[in-house]
Protein backbone atom coordinates (compact mmCIF):
# COMPACT_ATOMS: atom_id res chain seq x y z
CA UNK A 1 11.99 -9.39 30.79
CA UNK A 2 13.81 -6.51 32.45
CA UNK A 3 15.02 -3.28 30.92
CA UNK A 4 16.81 -0.30 32.39
CA UNK A 5 14.79 2.36 30.71
CA UNK A 6 14.29 6.07 31.03
CA UNK A 7 11.45 8.38 30.18
CA UNK A 8 10.60 9.84 26.79
CA UNK A 9 9.34 13.39 26.97
CA UNK A 10 7.53 14.87 24.03
CA UNK A 11 4.82 17.24 22.91
CA UNK A 12 2.16 14.68 23.85
CA UNK A 13 3.31 14.31 27.44
CA UNK A 14 5.49 11.42 28.46
CA UNK A 15 5.75 7.67 28.59
CA UNK A 16 7.36 6.20 31.69
CA UNK A 17 9.24 2.98 31.07
CA UNK A 18 9.39 0.92 34.28
CA UNK A 19 12.43 -1.19 34.97
CA UNK A 20 10.39 -4.34 35.43
CA UNK A 21 8.15 -4.93 32.43
CA UNK A 22 5.59 -7.75 32.23
CA UNK A 23 5.70 -10.47 29.61
CA UNK A 24 5.73 -8.55 26.35
CA UNK A 25 3.93 -9.88 23.29
CA UNK A 26 4.99 -9.23 19.73
CA UNK A 27 2.78 -6.78 17.84
CA UNK A 28 2.06 -7.33 14.15
CA UNK A 29 0.11 -4.56 12.44
CA UNK A 30 -1.12 -5.38 8.93
CA UNK A 31 -2.16 -2.02 7.51
CA UNK A 32 -3.82 -2.07 4.10
CA UNK A 33 -4.72 0.70 1.71
CA UNK A 34 -8.24 1.81 0.68
CA UNK A 35 -10.04 -1.36 1.74
CA UNK A 36 -13.76 -0.64 2.10
CA UNK A 37 -15.82 -1.83 5.06
CA UNK A 38 -17.68 -4.36 2.90
CA UNK A 39 -14.78 -5.60 0.79
CA UNK A 40 -14.29 -8.62 3.08
CA UNK A 41 -17.57 -10.48 2.58
CA UNK A 42 -17.31 -12.42 5.84
CA UNK A 43 -16.69 -9.35 8.01
CA UNK A 44 -19.62 -8.79 10.41
CA UNK A 45 -22.01 -6.16 9.08
CA UNK A 46 -20.70 -6.32 5.51
CA UNK A 47 -23.36 -6.36 2.82
CA UNK A 48 -22.04 -9.60 1.34
CA UNK A 49 -21.87 -7.98 -2.07
CA UNK A 50 -18.13 -8.47 -2.43
CA UNK A 51 -17.26 -11.61 -4.41
CA UNK A 52 -13.60 -11.60 -3.38
CA UNK A 53 -12.44 -14.79 -1.67
CA UNK A 54 -10.36 -14.06 1.42
CA UNK A 55 -9.66 -17.38 3.21
CA UNK A 56 -6.69 -16.06 5.19
CA UNK A 57 -8.44 -12.94 6.46
CA UNK A 58 -11.46 -15.14 7.21
CA UNK A 59 -9.24 -17.22 9.50
CA UNK A 60 -8.21 -14.05 11.34
CA UNK A 61 -11.89 -13.20 11.80
CA UNK A 62 -12.56 -16.63 13.26
CA UNK A 63 -9.49 -16.52 15.50
CA UNK A 64 -10.10 -13.10 17.03
CA UNK A 65 -12.32 -10.08 17.59
CA UNK A 66 -14.02 -8.08 14.83
CA UNK A 67 -14.63 -4.40 15.56
CA UNK A 68 -17.78 -3.27 13.77
CA UNK A 69 -17.49 0.37 14.87
CA UNK A 70 -13.81 0.88 14.08
CA UNK A 71 -12.66 4.11 12.50
CA UNK A 72 -9.72 5.58 10.74
CA UNK A 73 -8.69 9.02 11.97
CA UNK A 74 -9.06 10.51 8.48
CA UNK A 75 -10.79 9.78 5.18
CA UNK A 76 -7.51 9.57 3.27
CA UNK A 77 -4.01 8.22 3.54
CA UNK A 78 -1.34 10.55 4.94
CA UNK A 79 -3.27 12.06 7.87
CA UNK A 80 -4.65 8.64 8.83
CA UNK A 81 -1.15 7.18 8.98
CA UNK A 82 0.28 10.16 10.85
CA UNK A 83 -2.49 9.85 13.45
CA UNK A 84 -1.94 6.11 13.90
CA UNK A 85 1.79 6.60 14.35
CA UNK A 86 1.45 9.35 16.98
CA UNK A 87 -1.88 8.85 18.76
CA UNK A 88 -2.82 12.39 17.74
CA UNK A 89 -5.64 13.52 15.49
CA UNK A 90 -4.83 15.12 12.12
CA UNK A 91 -6.28 18.36 13.54
CA UNK A 92 -3.76 18.35 16.40
CA UNK A 93 -0.91 17.43 14.05
CA UNK A 94 -1.94 20.08 11.50
CA UNK A 95 -1.54 17.23 9.01
CA UNK A 96 -4.93 16.95 7.34
CA UNK A 97 -4.23 16.19 3.67
CA UNK A 98 -1.99 13.98 1.53
CA UNK A 99 1.67 14.94 1.49
CA UNK A 100 3.05 15.70 -1.96
CA UNK A 101 6.20 17.27 -3.37
CA UNK A 102 8.36 20.08 -2.02
CA UNK A 103 6.94 22.53 -4.57
CA UNK A 104 3.47 21.92 -3.10
CA UNK A 105 4.57 23.46 0.19
CA UNK A 106 2.92 26.88 -0.10
CA UNK A 107 1.71 29.30 2.55
CA UNK A 108 -1.61 31.03 3.11
CA UNK A 109 -0.64 34.16 1.18
CA UNK A 110 0.97 32.47 -1.81
CA UNK A 111 -0.88 33.42 -5.00
CA UNK A 112 -0.50 29.89 -6.34
CA UNK A 113 -2.30 28.51 -3.27
CA UNK A 114 -5.05 31.11 -3.40
CA UNK A 115 -5.56 30.41 -7.11
CA UNK A 116 -6.49 26.80 -6.32
CA UNK A 117 -9.61 28.09 -4.56
CA UNK A 118 -10.97 30.23 -7.35
CA UNK A 119 -14.78 30.35 -7.03
CA UNK A 120 -14.59 28.66 -3.61
CA UNK A 121 -15.91 30.34 -0.49
CA UNK A 122 -13.03 29.19 1.69
CA UNK A 123 -9.28 28.77 1.40
CA UNK A 124 -8.02 25.57 2.99
CA UNK A 125 -4.89 25.30 5.17
CA UNK A 126 -1.68 24.80 3.15
CA UNK A 127 -0.47 21.23 2.72
CA UNK A 128 1.83 19.81 5.40
CA UNK A 129 4.69 17.85 3.88
CA UNK A 130 6.37 16.02 6.76
CA UNK A 131 5.48 14.46 10.07
CA UNK A 132 7.73 16.48 12.44
CA UNK A 133 10.65 14.56 13.88
CA UNK A 134 9.80 15.75 17.40
CA UNK A 135 6.55 13.77 17.28
CA UNK A 136 7.08 10.52 19.15
CA UNK A 137 5.86 7.59 17.08
CA UNK A 138 4.55 4.28 18.30
CA UNK A 139 7.80 2.74 17.03
CA UNK A 140 9.87 5.07 19.22
CA UNK A 141 7.65 4.30 22.20
CA UNK A 142 7.93 0.53 21.73
CA UNK A 143 11.64 0.78 21.02
CA UNK A 144 11.99 2.42 24.43
CA UNK A 145 10.29 -0.64 25.91
CA UNK A 146 12.87 -2.92 24.36
CA UNK A 147 11.05 -3.84 21.16
CA UNK A 148 12.77 -4.57 17.86
CA UNK A 149 10.80 -2.35 15.48
CA UNK A 150 10.26 -2.74 11.74
CA UNK A 151 8.23 -1.47 8.81
CA UNK A 152 7.93 -2.69 5.24
CA UNK A 153 6.09 -0.90 2.46
CA UNK A 154 4.16 2.34 2.54
CA UNK A 155 5.20 5.36 4.66
CA UNK A 156 3.63 8.43 3.03
CA UNK A 157 3.83 10.82 5.97
CA UNK A 158 6.74 12.73 4.47
CA UNK A 159 7.58 14.25 1.13
CA UNK A 160 10.01 12.95 -1.48
CA UNK A 161 11.44 15.32 -4.07
CA UNK A 162 11.07 13.00 -7.06
CA UNK A 163 9.03 9.87 -6.29
CA UNK A 164 5.39 10.18 -5.24
CA UNK A 165 4.95 8.05 -2.12
CA UNK A 166 8.72 7.62 -1.98
CA UNK A 167 10.44 7.67 1.40
CA UNK A 168 11.99 10.91 2.59
CA UNK A 169 15.70 10.72 3.35
CA UNK A 170 15.30 13.10 6.30
CA UNK A 171 11.82 12.21 7.62
CA UNK A 172 11.61 8.49 6.96
CA UNK A 173 10.96 5.49 9.24
CA UNK A 174 14.63 5.26 10.23
CA UNK A 175 14.36 8.76 11.71
CA UNK A 176 11.09 7.89 13.48
CA UNK A 177 12.04 4.86 15.56
CA UNK A 178 12.08 1.91 13.16
CA UNK A 179 15.17 -0.30 13.50
CA UNK A 180 14.41 -2.10 10.25
CA UNK A 181 12.85 -0.16 7.38
CA UNK A 182 12.38 -1.68 3.92
CA UNK A 183 11.11 0.62 1.19
CA UNK A 184 9.36 -1.34 -1.53
CA UNK A 185 6.18 -1.14 -3.60
CA UNK A 186 6.10 -4.93 -3.72
CA UNK A 187 4.05 -6.32 -6.60
CA UNK A 188 1.73 -3.29 -6.65
CA UNK A 189 1.65 -1.39 -9.98
CA UNK A 190 3.46 1.50 -8.27
CA UNK A 191 6.53 -0.72 -8.76
CA UNK A 192 6.26 -0.17 -12.51
CA UNK A 193 4.74 -3.56 -13.33
CA UNK A 194 1.15 -2.76 -14.21
CA UNK A 195 0.24 -6.08 -15.83
CA UNK A 196 1.40 -9.68 -15.37
CA UNK A 197 1.96 -12.22 -18.11
CA UNK A 198 1.97 -16.01 -18.14
CA UNK A 199 0.54 -16.38 -14.64
CA UNK A 200 -0.74 -19.94 -14.33
CA UNK A 201 -3.84 -21.03 -12.44
CA UNK A 202 -3.14 -21.15 -8.73
CA UNK A 203 -0.13 -18.86 -9.04
CA UNK A 204 0.29 -15.48 -7.38
CA UNK A 205 3.06 -12.98 -8.15
CA UNK A 206 5.91 -12.82 -5.67
CA UNK A 207 5.70 -9.76 -3.44
CA UNK A 208 8.94 -8.24 -2.16
CA UNK A 209 7.04 -6.37 0.55
CA UNK A 210 5.74 -9.65 1.95
CA UNK A 211 9.13 -11.31 1.53
CA UNK A 212 10.76 -8.60 3.66
CA UNK A 213 8.03 -8.96 6.30
CA UNK A 214 8.65 -12.71 6.45
CA UNK A 215 12.40 -12.13 6.85
CA UNK A 216 11.75 -9.81 9.77
CA UNK A 217 9.50 -12.36 11.48
CA UNK A 218 12.01 -15.18 10.96
CA UNK A 219 14.89 -13.14 12.42
CA UNK A 220 16.35 -14.66 15.59
CA UNK A 221 16.01 -12.24 18.50
CA UNK A 222 15.71 -12.18 22.27
CA UNK A 223 13.44 -9.15 22.40
CA UNK A 224 9.80 -8.80 21.34
CA UNK A 225 9.08 -7.22 17.98
CA UNK A 226 6.74 -4.64 16.48
CA UNK A 227 6.25 -5.00 12.73
CA UNK A 228 4.11 -2.75 10.55
CA UNK A 229 3.29 -4.47 7.26
CA UNK A 230 2.15 -1.46 5.28
CA UNK A 231 0.53 -2.54 2.01
CA UNK A 232 -0.22 -0.54 -1.13
CA UNK A 233 -3.03 -2.92 -2.07
CA UNK A 234 -5.87 -2.30 -2.83
CA UNK A 235 -5.15 1.29 -3.82
CA UNK A 236 -5.47 2.20 -7.49
CA UNK A 237 -4.11 1.40 -10.01
CA UNK A 238 -5.12 -2.23 -9.75
CA UNK A 239 -2.82 -4.97 -10.95
CA UNK A 240 -3.79 -6.51 -14.29
CA UNK A 241 -3.03 -10.03 -15.47
CA UNK A 242 -4.65 -12.00 -12.63
CA UNK A 243 -6.74 -13.65 -15.30
CA UNK A 244 -7.25 -17.03 -13.64
CA UNK A 245 -8.73 -15.33 -10.58
CA UNK A 246 -10.94 -13.06 -12.66
CA UNK A 247 -12.23 -16.01 -14.70
CA UNK A 248 -13.12 -17.82 -11.47
CA UNK A 249 -15.18 -14.86 -10.26
CA UNK A 250 -16.84 -14.36 -13.60
CA UNK A 251 -17.97 -17.98 -13.60
CA UNK A 252 -19.38 -17.93 -10.08
CA UNK A 253 -20.98 -14.46 -10.18
CA UNK A 254 -24.77 -14.29 -10.17
CA UNK A 255 -24.73 -11.10 -12.22
CA UNK A 256 -22.66 -9.64 -15.01
CA UNK A 257 -19.56 -8.03 -13.55
CA UNK A 258 -17.54 -5.34 -15.23
CA UNK A 259 -13.88 -5.80 -15.98
CA UNK A 260 -13.08 -3.31 -13.22
CA UNK A 261 -15.16 -5.22 -10.65
CA UNK A 262 -13.44 -8.49 -11.55
CA UNK A 263 -9.98 -6.93 -11.36
CA UNK A 264 -10.70 -5.28 -8.01
CA UNK A 265 -11.92 -8.57 -6.51
CA UNK A 266 -8.80 -10.31 -7.84
CA UNK A 267 -6.60 -7.67 -6.19
CA UNK A 268 -8.38 -8.23 -2.87
CA UNK A 269 -7.70 -11.97 -3.18
CA UNK A 270 -4.07 -11.19 -3.96
CA UNK A 271 -3.83 -9.06 -0.81
CA UNK A 272 -5.36 -11.93 1.16
CA UNK A 273 -2.73 -14.30 -0.23
CA UNK A 274 0.04 -12.03 1.04
CA UNK A 275 -1.63 -11.80 4.45
CA UNK A 276 -1.65 -15.59 4.50
CA UNK A 277 2.08 -15.76 3.75
CA UNK A 278 2.86 -13.45 6.67
CA UNK A 279 0.64 -15.42 9.04
CA UNK A 280 2.19 -18.70 7.88
CA UNK A 281 5.64 -17.33 8.66
CA UNK A 282 4.44 -16.29 12.10
CA UNK A 283 3.06 -19.78 12.75
CA UNK A 284 6.22 -21.52 11.57
CA UNK A 285 8.39 -19.26 13.71
CA UNK A 286 6.60 -20.50 16.82
CA UNK A 287 5.60 -16.96 17.82
CA UNK A 288 1.89 -17.01 17.00
CA UNK A 289 0.75 -17.61 20.57
CA UNK A 290 2.67 -14.58 21.81
CA UNK A 291 1.74 -12.17 19.04
CA UNK A 292 -1.03 -9.58 18.94
CA UNK A 293 -2.14 -9.29 15.29
CA UNK A 294 -4.15 -6.33 14.02
CA UNK A 295 -5.54 -6.16 10.50
CA UNK A 296 -7.17 -2.94 9.35
CA UNK A 297 -7.40 -0.32 6.59
CA UNK A 298 -6.08 3.24 6.47
CA UNK A 299 -9.43 4.69 5.36
CA UNK A 300 -12.59 3.88 3.42
CA UNK A 301 -12.51 2.55 -0.10
CA UNK A 302 -12.53 4.19 -3.51
CA UNK A 303 -16.09 5.12 -4.59
CA UNK A 304 -15.65 3.49 -7.97
CA UNK A 305 -14.66 0.04 -6.74
CA UNK A 306 -15.16 -0.66 -3.05
CA UNK A 307 -18.16 -2.22 -1.31
CA UNK A 308 -19.52 0.17 1.30
CA UNK A 309 -23.23 -0.52 1.69
CA UNK A 310 -25.11 0.11 3.91
CA UNK A 311 -22.80 3.03 4.66
CA UNK A 312 -22.92 6.35 2.85
CA UNK A 313 -19.97 8.04 1.18
CA UNK A 314 -16.47 6.82 0.42
CA UNK A 315 -12.84 7.71 0.77
CA UNK A 316 -12.34 11.51 0.96
CA UNK A 317 -15.44 12.41 3.00
CA UNK A 318 -16.62 12.05 6.58
CA UNK A 319 -19.76 10.04 6.00
CA UNK A 320 -19.40 6.56 7.48
CA UNK A 321 -17.98 4.82 4.42
CA UNK A 322 -15.09 7.26 4.32
CA UNK A 323 -13.87 6.54 7.83
CA UNK A 324 -15.47 3.31 9.13
CA UNK A 325 -13.11 0.47 8.31
CA UNK A 326 -12.78 -3.28 8.95
CA UNK A 327 -10.61 -4.06 11.96
CA UNK A 328 -9.61 -7.44 13.34
CA UNK A 329 -7.58 -8.27 16.44
CA UNK A 330 -6.25 -11.79 16.99
CA UNK A 331 -4.28 -12.76 20.10
CA UNK A 332 -4.48 -16.44 21.09
CA UNK A 333 -5.45 -16.98 24.71
CA UNK A 334 -6.07 -13.27 25.25
CA UNK A 335 -8.78 -12.32 22.76
CA UNK A 336 -11.86 -14.53 22.48
CA UNK A 337 -12.03 -16.30 19.13
CA UNK A 338 -14.83 -15.41 16.71
CA UNK A 339 -16.00 -12.52 18.90
CA UNK A 340 -17.42 -9.11 18.00
CA UNK A 341 -17.08 -5.72 19.63
CA UNK A 342 -19.47 -2.91 18.73
CA UNK A 343 -17.62 -0.36 20.87
CA UNK A 344 -16.47 2.66 18.85
CA UNK A 345 -12.69 2.70 18.49
CA UNK A 346 -10.33 4.83 16.41
CA UNK A 347 -6.78 4.34 15.21
CA UNK A 348 -5.37 6.98 17.56
CA UNK A 349 -6.19 4.33 20.20
CA UNK A 350 -3.36 2.14 18.91
CA UNK A 351 -0.56 4.25 20.42
CA UNK A 352 -1.70 4.08 24.07
CA UNK A 353 -2.89 0.48 23.63
CA UNK A 354 0.49 -0.68 22.36
CA UNK A 355 2.27 1.20 25.12
CA UNK A 356 0.14 -0.49 27.79
CA UNK A 357 0.60 -3.91 26.20
CA UNK A 358 4.36 -3.34 26.16
CA UNK A 359 4.45 -2.36 29.83
CA UNK A 360 4.81 1.41 29.54
CA UNK A 361 2.93 3.64 31.93
CA UNK A 362 1.19 6.52 30.17
CA UNK A 363 0.96 9.89 31.89
CA UNK A 364 -0.13 13.36 30.74
CA UNK A 365 -2.59 11.87 28.28
CA UNK A 366 -4.47 15.10 27.62
CA UNK A 367 -2.46 15.80 24.48
CA UNK A 368 -3.21 12.44 22.93
CA UNK A 369 -6.53 11.85 21.21
CA UNK A 370 -6.81 8.11 21.70
CA UNK A 371 -7.01 5.83 24.72
CA UNK A 372 -6.07 2.26 25.48
CA UNK A 373 -8.61 -0.30 24.31
CA UNK A 374 -6.88 -3.18 26.06
CA UNK A 375 -9.97 -3.82 28.26
CA UNK A 376 -12.05 -4.36 25.10
CA UNK A 377 -9.65 -7.06 23.98
CA UNK A 378 -10.33 -8.83 27.27
CA UNK A 379 -14.08 -8.66 26.67
CA UNK A 380 -14.70 -5.76 29.06
CA UNK A 381 -16.25 -2.37 28.43
CA UNK A 382 -14.60 1.04 28.34
CA UNK A 383 -15.98 4.54 28.65
CA UNK A 384 -14.75 6.89 25.96
CA UNK A 385 -12.77 9.61 27.69
CA UNK A 386 -12.95 11.88 24.64
CA UNK A 387 -15.48 11.83 21.80
CA UNK A 388 -14.31 10.56 18.45
CA UNK A 389 -13.83 13.41 15.99
CA UNK A 390 -12.54 13.98 12.48
CA UNK A 391 -11.32 16.97 10.51
CA UNK A 392 -11.02 17.47 6.75
CA UNK A 393 -10.84 21.21 5.93
CA UNK A 394 -10.43 20.74 2.16
CA UNK A 395 -12.34 20.69 -1.09
CA UNK A 396 -12.05 17.45 -3.02
CA UNK A 397 -11.46 16.73 -5.87
CA UNK A 398 -8.89 19.45 -6.25
CA UNK A 399 -9.14 22.32 -8.70
CA UNK A 400 -11.42 22.10 -11.75
CA UNK A 401 -12.26 18.43 -11.12
CA UNK A 402 -14.35 19.53 -8.16
CA UNK A 403 -16.96 21.06 -10.47
CA UNK A 404 -17.12 17.85 -12.51
CA UNK A 405 -17.80 15.62 -9.48
CA UNK A 406 -21.21 14.58 -8.14
CA UNK A 407 -22.75 17.23 -5.94
CA UNK A 408 -24.58 14.80 -3.69
CA UNK A 409 -23.01 11.93 -1.77
CA UNK A 410 -24.97 8.69 -1.58
CA UNK A 411 -24.42 4.97 -1.01
CA UNK A 412 -22.14 3.30 -3.58
CA UNK A 413 -22.64 6.01 -6.21
CA UNK A 414 -19.73 4.62 -8.17
CA UNK A 415 -18.28 8.07 -8.78
CA UNK A 416 -16.27 10.65 -6.86
CA UNK A 417 -18.44 13.20 -5.11
CA UNK A 418 -17.82 16.78 -4.05
CA UNK A 419 -16.36 16.99 -0.55
CA UNK A 420 -16.44 20.41 1.13
CA UNK A 421 -14.41 21.50 4.19
CA UNK A 422 -15.95 19.58 7.06
CA UNK A 423 -15.52 18.10 10.51
CA UNK A 424 -17.44 15.41 12.39
CA UNK A 425 -17.95 14.13 15.91
CA UNK A 426 -19.48 10.96 17.33
CA UNK A 427 -20.88 10.67 20.86
CA UNK A 428 -22.56 7.37 21.61
CA UNK A 429 -24.86 6.55 18.73
CA UNK A 430 -25.12 10.15 17.53
CA UNK A 431 -22.91 11.69 14.88
CA UNK A 432 -22.76 15.27 13.67
CA UNK A 433 -21.09 16.54 10.50
CA UNK A 434 -20.38 20.26 10.22
CA UNK A 435 -19.73 21.96 6.88
CA UNK A 436 -17.65 25.12 7.25
CA UNK A 437 -18.49 26.80 3.94
CA UNK A 438 -22.24 26.80 4.62
CA UNK A 439 -22.25 26.82 8.42
CA UNK A 440 -24.42 23.74 8.04
CA UNK A 441 -24.98 20.80 10.39
CA UNK A 442 -26.20 17.26 9.74
CA UNK A 443 -27.13 15.04 12.68
CA UNK A 444 -27.55 11.27 12.41
CA UNK A 445 -28.58 8.43 14.71
CA UNK A 446 -26.16 5.71 13.60
CA UNK A 447 -27.91 3.01 15.60
CA UNK A 448 -31.15 3.43 13.68
CA UNK A 449 -29.85 5.05 10.50
CA UNK A 450 -26.48 3.55 9.57
CA UNK A 451 -26.80 4.94 6.04
CA UNK A 452 -27.02 8.54 7.33
CA UNK A 453 -30.13 9.22 5.28
CA UNK A 454 -32.25 11.08 7.88
CA UNK A 455 -30.81 14.41 9.00
CA UNK A 456 -32.12 15.13 12.52
CA UNK A 457 -30.51 18.56 12.92
CA UNK A 458 -33.77 20.44 12.27
CA UNK A 459 -35.90 18.18 14.46
CA UNK A 460 -33.37 18.16 17.31
CA UNK A 461 -31.63 21.56 17.04
CA UNK A 462 -30.52 21.71 20.70
CA UNK A 463 -28.75 18.38 20.47
CA UNK A 464 -27.18 19.36 17.14
CA UNK A 465 -25.90 22.65 18.55
CA UNK A 466 -24.45 21.01 21.67
CA UNK A 467 -22.58 18.52 19.49
CA UNK A 468 -21.36 21.33 17.25
CA UNK A 469 -20.02 23.12 20.33
CA UNK A 470 -18.28 19.94 21.48
CA UNK A 471 -16.77 19.47 18.02
CA UNK A 472 -15.47 23.02 17.80
CA UNK A 473 -14.11 22.68 21.34
CA UNK A 474 -12.12 19.60 20.30
CA UNK A 475 -10.74 21.51 17.31
CA UNK A 476 -9.80 24.57 19.38
CA UNK A 477 -8.14 22.45 22.06
CA UNK A 478 -6.19 20.71 19.30
CA UNK A 479 -5.01 24.05 17.86
CA UNK A 480 -6.55 23.09 14.53
CA UNK A 481 -5.90 25.20 11.46
CA UNK A 482 -9.26 26.53 10.30
CA UNK A 483 -10.03 27.40 6.66
CA UNK A 484 -10.15 31.11 5.89
CA UNK A 485 -12.71 33.21 4.04
CA UNK A 486 -11.77 33.71 0.41
CA UNK A 487 -12.01 37.50 0.01
CA UNK A 488 -11.56 37.19 -3.75
CA UNK A 489 -14.87 35.45 -4.37
CA UNK A 490 -18.43 36.72 -4.14
CA UNK A 491 -19.97 33.38 -3.26
CA UNK A 492 -22.43 33.41 -0.35
């Protein structure tokens, strides 16, 4: 396939589009919401605690490569998605928290912003509302390589004036390189339907999000496609009325399960059903053999519902369960079936990987935070050019709820814990978490202590300090926004 293409210049450097591109595969990214590492029972390394049946995702596992050290770029939605779309860390993007409404756009000196940190030692950076239009997204990069680009479902990297998670009219997918963009909540309760009625055994509710994805796949085209199927499942609130699925799990469970546990498992099965519909459409279209499929989650799961063991923490913090996520890559004839990679990867790797797969030549990579993992897909090794790092300079939960949350963060506590402004870095098997408000370090050997239960920072202070220096260097190079001292509090 030949294209007469130019060069895109942007803040991250440039992508050169050669005139003669190699055979270009389709790229199908199935991006799900708040799925914990252990929520797919068959995923390598999962505790097996999850009772959810996921036959379609299981087939993806068998057909491709499972990444057991895969990470989101953030422990929550908006920054994770912004990082995936751009290949840049949330620290570099200055997009570290969830985007909200226009009235939430305050500055450092605004009294309303300062008031949110009453009795806190630090004041966090103000919330960023929109992914800037001058950031080049993966869709824009692939579009430059001749791809037909599409997204269905969740966006959430820009603010809407009235609808939470609604698409911005000025900073939506259509302005960021997507040729086809379908805004829909699908069958998720965000659509307004919180509970189903009269659902018979074996039936699943129709999902407009999946229907639009199927339409995109079935479209007749001469160019390759990139499709991002961006689900709202299994984010709260969970859909009620899947009674036949819940009854099945209740009957087979070896212990008494709560109503919430049964409903969550049923929602995971529902997500799996929709994944199956998309994969069936891909098979029927005759494009399966020439399609790279990635299935992964935007961050760790909710502490109240998700299966995370043996990993500590949950969504919202930088312990492993907040950022380590299931990731599957299936590509017939290219990726070895039923294989496992333990190499650490992060979702900022997607941008350069997709560009290389599409035939683009990446230059000036120093302002991207990921790297191509294409060699891993071929069963080879890669050396990480930059250490993996994360940045979350906020207190969570927000406001008064922070004081009501658990002070300590454990493994599957079942409740939301207090998260303080923090950053983390991983080099090899070692991981360091740095807490800004206490100038405190925690050092863990993930190979021998996956649950992050033994802090080695006191026993190995030199190693901890070197990793802290490397972490701060990554943040400075990224022009990160650091939290500021709250001069209106006397906390030490």
